[in-house]
């Protein structure tokens, strides 16, 4: 029974680490996309004038 608890605990640790990694990856991608979008919209506004 202790072995099962150990395996479950290690799985939870690995999953939490992977989730944190993916969240960081997704947020950096999102920030990159928003920055590009703002640059493009600013360029379009400048061109429209």
PDB file of N, CA and C in Angstrom:
ATOM      1  N   UNK A   1       0.833  -1.205   0.000  1.00  0.00           N
ATOM      2  CA  UNK A   1       0.000   0.000   0.000  1.00  0.00           C
ATOM      3  C   UNK A   1       0.874   1.264   0.000  1.00  0.00           C
ATOM      4  N   UNK A   2       1.982   1.194   0.738  1.00  0.00           N
ATOM      5  CA  UNK A   2       2.877   2.352   0.783  1.00  0.00           C
ATOM      6  C   UNK A   2       3.492   2.599  -0.598  1.00  0.00           C
ATOM      7  N   UNK A   3       3.736   1.513  -1.324  1.00  0.00           N
ATOM      8  CA  UNK A   3       4.315   1.644  -2.670  1.00  0.00           C
ATOM      9  C   UNK A   3       3.338   2.387  -3.576  1.00  0.00           C
ATOM     10  N   UNK A   4       2.053   2.049  -3.477  1.00  0.00           N
ATOM     11  CA  UNK A   4       1.044   2.708  -4.305  1.00  0.00           C
ATOM     12  C   UNK A   4       0.982   4.194  -3.977  1.00  0.00           C
ATOM     13  N   UNK A   5       1.057   4.515  -2.681  1.00  0.00           N
ATOM     14  CA  UNK A   5       1.016   5.920  -2.277  1.00  0.00           C
ATOM     15  C   UNK A   5       2.231   6.658  -2.832  1.00  0.00           C
ATOM     16  N   UNK A   6       3.383   6.007  -2.808  1.00  0.00           N
ATOM     17  CA  UNK A   6       4.607   6.613  -3.321  1.00  0.00           C
ATOM     18  C   UNK A   6       4.483   6.876  -4.824  1.00  0.00           C
ATOM     19  N   UNK A   7       3.963   5.892  -5.552  1.00  0.00           N
ATOM     20  CA  UNK A   7       3.797   6.039  -7.003  1.00  0.00           C
ATOM     21  C   UNK A   7       2.822   7.167  -7.312  1.00  0.00           C
ATOM     22  N   UNK A   8       1.716   7.230  -6.576  1.00  0.00           N
ATOM     23  CA  UNK A   8       0.724   8.286  -6.801  1.00  0.00           C
ATOM     24  C   UNK A   8       1.325   9.661  -6.512  1.00  0.00           C
ATOM     25  N   UNK A   9       2.114   9.746  -5.435  1.00  0.00           N
ATOM     26  CA  UNK A   9       2.730  11.024  -5.071  1.00  0.00           C
ATOM     27  C   UNK A   9       3.724  11.470  -6.143  1.00  0.00           C
ATOM     28  N   UNK A  10       4.528  10.528  -6.640  1.00  0.00           N
ATOM     29  CA  UNK A  10       5.508  10.894  -7.673  1.00  0.00           C
ATOM     30  C   UNK A  10       4.796  11.289  -8.968  1.00  0.00           C
ATOM     31  N   UNK A  11       3.706  10.603  -9.296  1.00  0.00           N
ATOM     32  CA  UNK A  11       2.939  10.954 -10.490  1.00  0.00           C
ATOM     33  C   UNK A  11       2.358  12.364 -10.356  1.00  0.00           C
ATOM     34  N   UNK A  12       1.842  12.677  -9.177  1.00  0.00           N
ATOM     35  CA  UNK A  12       1.270  14.002  -8.951  1.00  0.00           C
ATOM     36  C   UNK A  12       2.351  15.072  -9.083  1.00  0.00           C
ATOM     37  N   UNK A  13       3.554  14.790  -8.582  1.00  0.00           N
ATOM     38  CA  UNK A  13       4.656  15.747  -8.681  1.00  0.00           C
ATOM     39  C   UNK A  13       5.030  15.990 -10.136  1.00  0.00           C
ATOM     40  N   UNK A  14       5.179  14.898 -10.887  1.00  0.00           N
ATOM     41  CA  UNK A  14       5.533  15.017 -12.302  1.00  0.00           C
ATOM     42  C   UNK A  14       4.461  15.779 -13.066  1.00  0.00           C
ATOM     43  N   UNK A  15       3.196  15.485 -12.782  1.00  0.00           N
ATOM     44  CA  UNK A  15       2.103  16.162 -13.478  1.00  0.00           C
ATOM     45  C   UNK A  15       2.080  17.653 -13.152  1.00  0.00           C
ATOM     46  N   UNK A  16       2.322  17.996 -11.899  1.00  0.00           N
ATOM     47  CA  UNK A  16       2.302  19.414 -11.522  1.00  0.00           C
ATOM     48  C   UNK A  16       3.457  20.162 -12.185  1.00  0.00           C
ATOM     49  N   UNK A  17       4.619  19.510 -12.249  1.00  0.00           N
ATOM     50  CA  UNK A  17       5.766  20.145 -12.908  1.00  0.00           C
ATOM     51  C   UNK A  17       5.490  20.343 -14.393  1.00  0.00           C
ATOM     52  N   UNK A  18       4.930  19.314 -15.034  1.00  0.00           N
ATOM     53  CA  UNK A  18       4.625  19.416 -16.462  1.00  0.00           C
ATOM     54  C   UNK A  18       3.576  20.499 -16.699  1.00  0.00           C
ATOM     55  N   UNK A  19       2.564  20.572 -15.825  1.00  0.00           N
ATOM     56  CA  UNK A  19       1.508  21.575 -15.974  1.00  0.00           C
ATOM     57  C   UNK A  19       2.096  22.978 -15.848  1.00  0.00           C
ATOM     58  N   UNK A  20       3.009  23.153 -14.877  1.00  0.00           N
ATOM     59  CA  UNK A  20       3.616  24.468 -14.698  1.00  0.00           C
ATOM     60  C   UNK A  20       4.420  24.846 -15.940  1.00  0.00           C
ATOM     61  N   UNK A  21       5.151  23.868 -16.483  1.00  0.00           N
ATOM     62  CA  UNK A  21       5.954  24.110 -17.682  1.00  0.00           C
ATOM     63  C   UNK A  21       5.062  24.513 -18.855  1.00  0.00           C
ATOM     64  N   UNK A  22       3.961  23.776 -19.041  1.00  0.00           N
ATOM     65  CA  UNK A  22       3.073  24.078 -20.165  1.00  0.00           C
ATOM     66  C   UNK A  22       2.376  25.418 -19.983  1.00  0.00           C
ATOM     67  N   UNK A  23       2.047  25.759 -18.742  1.00  0.00           N
ATOM     68  CA  UNK A  23       1.401  27.055 -18.486  1.00  0.00           C
ATOM     69  C   UNK A  23       2.367  28.187 -18.826  1.00  0.00           C
ATOM     70  N   UNK A  24       3.650  28.008 -18.436  1.00  0.00           N
ATOM     71  CA  UNK A  24       4.641  29.039 -18.742  1.00  0.00           C
ATOM     72  C   UNK A  24       4.821  29.167 -20.250  1.00  0.00           C
ATOM     73  N   UNK A  25       4.856  28.024 -20.927  1.00  0.00           N
ATOM     74  CA  UNK A  25       5.010  28.028 -22.389  1.00  0.00           C
ATOM     75  C   UNK A  25       3.833  28.744 -23.043  1.00  0.00           C
ATOM     76  N   UNK A  26       2.616  28.424 -22.581  1.00  0.00           N
ATOM     77  CA  UNK A  26       1.414  29.017 -23.177  1.00  0.00           C
ATOM     78  C   UNK A  26       1.366  30.523 -22.917  1.00  0.00           C
ATOM     79  N   UNK A  27       1.747  30.952 -21.716  1.00  0.00           N
ATOM     80  CA  UNK A  27       1.698  32.384 -21.425  1.00  0.00           C
ATOM     81  C   UNK A  27       2.725  33.147 -22.262  1.00  0.00           C
ATOM     82  N   UNK A  28       3.917  32.547 -22.448  1.00  0.00           N
ATOM     83  CA  UNK A  28       4.925  33.237 -23.265  1.00  0.00           C
ATOM     84  C   UNK A  28       4.467  33.321 -24.717  1.00  0.00           C
ATOM     85  N   UNK A  29       3.853  32.244 -25.211  1.00  0.00           N
ATOM     86  CA  UNK A  29       3.321  32.262 -26.583  1.00  0.00           C
ATOM     87  C   UNK A  29       2.243  33.334 -26.718  1.00  0.00           C
ATOM     88  N   UNK A  30       1.361  33.417 -25.692  1.00  0.00           N
ATOM     89  CA  UNK A  30       0.267  34.377 -25.721  1.00  0.00           C
ATOM     90  C   UNK A  30       0.800  35.805 -25.714  1.00  0.00           C
ATOM     91  N   UNK A  31       1.818  36.062 -24.871  1.00  0.00           N
ATOM     92  CA  UNK A  31       2.400  37.400 -24.825  1.00  0.00           C
ATOM     93  C   UNK A  31       3.046  37.756 -26.160  1.00  0.00           C
ATOM     94  N   UNK A  32       3.718  36.770 -26.772  1.00  0.00           N
ATOM     95  CA  UNK A  32       4.341  36.995 -28.077  1.00  0.00           C
ATOM     96  C   UNK A  32       3.269  37.358 -29.107  1.00  0.00           C
ATOM     97  N   UNK A  33       2.170  36.589 -29.103  1.00  0.00           N
ATOM     98  CA  UNK A  33       1.099  36.822 -30.075  1.00  0.00           C
ATOM     99  C   UNK A  33       0.464  38.198 -29.866  1.00  0.00           C
ATOM    100  N   UNK A  34       0.230  38.591 -28.617  1.00  0.00           N
ATOM    101  CA  UNK A  34      -0.389  39.891 -28.364  1.00  0.00           C
ATOM    102  C   UNK A  34       0.549  41.014 -28.777  1.00  0.00           C
ATOM    103  N   UNK A  35       1.872  40.828 -28.557  1.00  0.00           N
ATOM    104  CA  UNK A  35       2.829  41.859 -28.953  1.00  0.00           C
ATOM    105  C   UNK A  35       2.827  42.032 -30.468  1.00  0.00           C
ATOM    106  N   UNK A  36       2.825  40.910 -31.187  1.00  0.00           N
ATOM    107  CA  UNK A  36       2.803  40.972 -32.656  1.00  0.00           C
ATOM    108  C   UNK A  36       1.507  41.632 -33.129  1.00  0.00           C
ATOM    109  N   UNK A  37       0.382  41.256 -32.480  1.00  0.00           N
ATOM    110  CA  UNK A  37      -0.908  41.824 -32.865  1.00  0.00           C
ATOM    111  C   UNK A  37      -0.916  43.344 -32.660  1.00  0.00           C
ATOM    112  N   UNK A  38      -0.350  43.795 -31.528  1.00  0.00           N
ATOM    113  CA  UNK A  38      -0.316  45.236 -31.268  1.00  0.00           C
ATOM    114  C   UNK A  38       0.566  45.948 -32.280  1.00  0.00           C
ATOM    115  N   UNK A  39       1.699  45.320 -32.641  1.00  0.00           N
ATOM    116  CA  UNK A  39       2.580  45.934 -33.642  1.00  0.00           C
ATOM    117  C   UNK A  39       1.853  46.070 -34.977  1.00  0.00           C
ATOM    118  N   UNK A  40       1.147  44.997 -35.376  1.00  0.00           N
ATOM    119  CA  UNK A  40       0.440  45.003 -36.657  1.00  0.00           C
ATOM    120  C   UNK A  40      -0.680  46.045 -36.643  1.00  0.00           C
ATOM    121  N   UNK A  41      -1.438  46.097 -35.559  1.00  0.00           N
ATOM    122  CA  UNK A  41      -2.548  47.063 -35.504  1.00  0.00           C
ATOM    123  C   UNK A  41      -2.014  48.500 -35.499  1.00  0.00           C
ATOM    124  N   UNK A  42      -0.887  48.721 -34.819  1.00  0.00           N
ATOM    125  CA  UNK A  42      -0.298  50.062 -34.805  1.00  0.00           C
ATOM    126  C   UNK A  42       0.167  50.444 -36.206  1.00  0.00           C
ATOM    127  N   UNK A  43       0.748  49.486 -36.916  1.00  0.00           N
ATOM    128  CA  UNK A  43       1.210  49.751 -38.284  1.00  0.00           C
ATOM    129  C   UNK A  43       0.026  50.061 -39.196  1.00  0.00           C
ATOM    130  N   UNK A  44      -1.054  49.320 -39.008  1.00  0.00           N
ATOM    131  CA  UNK A  44      -2.242  49.568 -39.836  1.00  0.00           C
ATOM    132  C   UNK A  44      -2.821  50.944 -39.548  1.00  0.00           C
ATOM    133  N   UNK A  45      -2.859  51.336 -38.280  1.00  0.00           N
ATOM    134  CA  UNK A  45      -3.368  52.657 -37.936  1.00  0.00           C
ATOM    135  C   UNK A  45      -2.495  53.742 -38.552  1.00  0.00           C
ATOM    136  N   UNK A  46      -1.180  53.547 -38.519  1.00  0.00           N
ATOM    137  CA  UNK A  46      -0.263  54.548 -39.083  1.00  0.00           C
ATOM    138  C   UNK A  46      -0.435  54.635 -40.592  1.00  0.00           C
ATOM    139  N   UNK A  47      -0.685  53.466 -41.231  1.00  0.00           N
ATOM    140  CA  UNK A  47      -0.847  53.479 -42.675  1.00  0.00           C
ATOM    141  C   UNK A  47      -2.168  54.117 -43.078  1.00  0.00           C
ATOM    142  N   UNK A  48      -3.204  53.915 -42.243  1.00  0.00           N
ATOM    143  CA  UNK A  48      -4.519  54.445 -42.591  1.00  0.00           C
ATOM    144  C   UNK A  48      -4.515  55.974 -42.582  1.00  0.00           C
ATOM    145  N   UNK A  49      -3.704  56.577 -41.694  1.00  0.00           N
ATOM    146  CA  UNK A  49      -3.678  58.031 -41.607  1.00  0.00           C
ATOM    147  C   UNK A  49      -3.082  58.714 -42.815  1.00  0.00           C
TER     148      UNK A  49
END
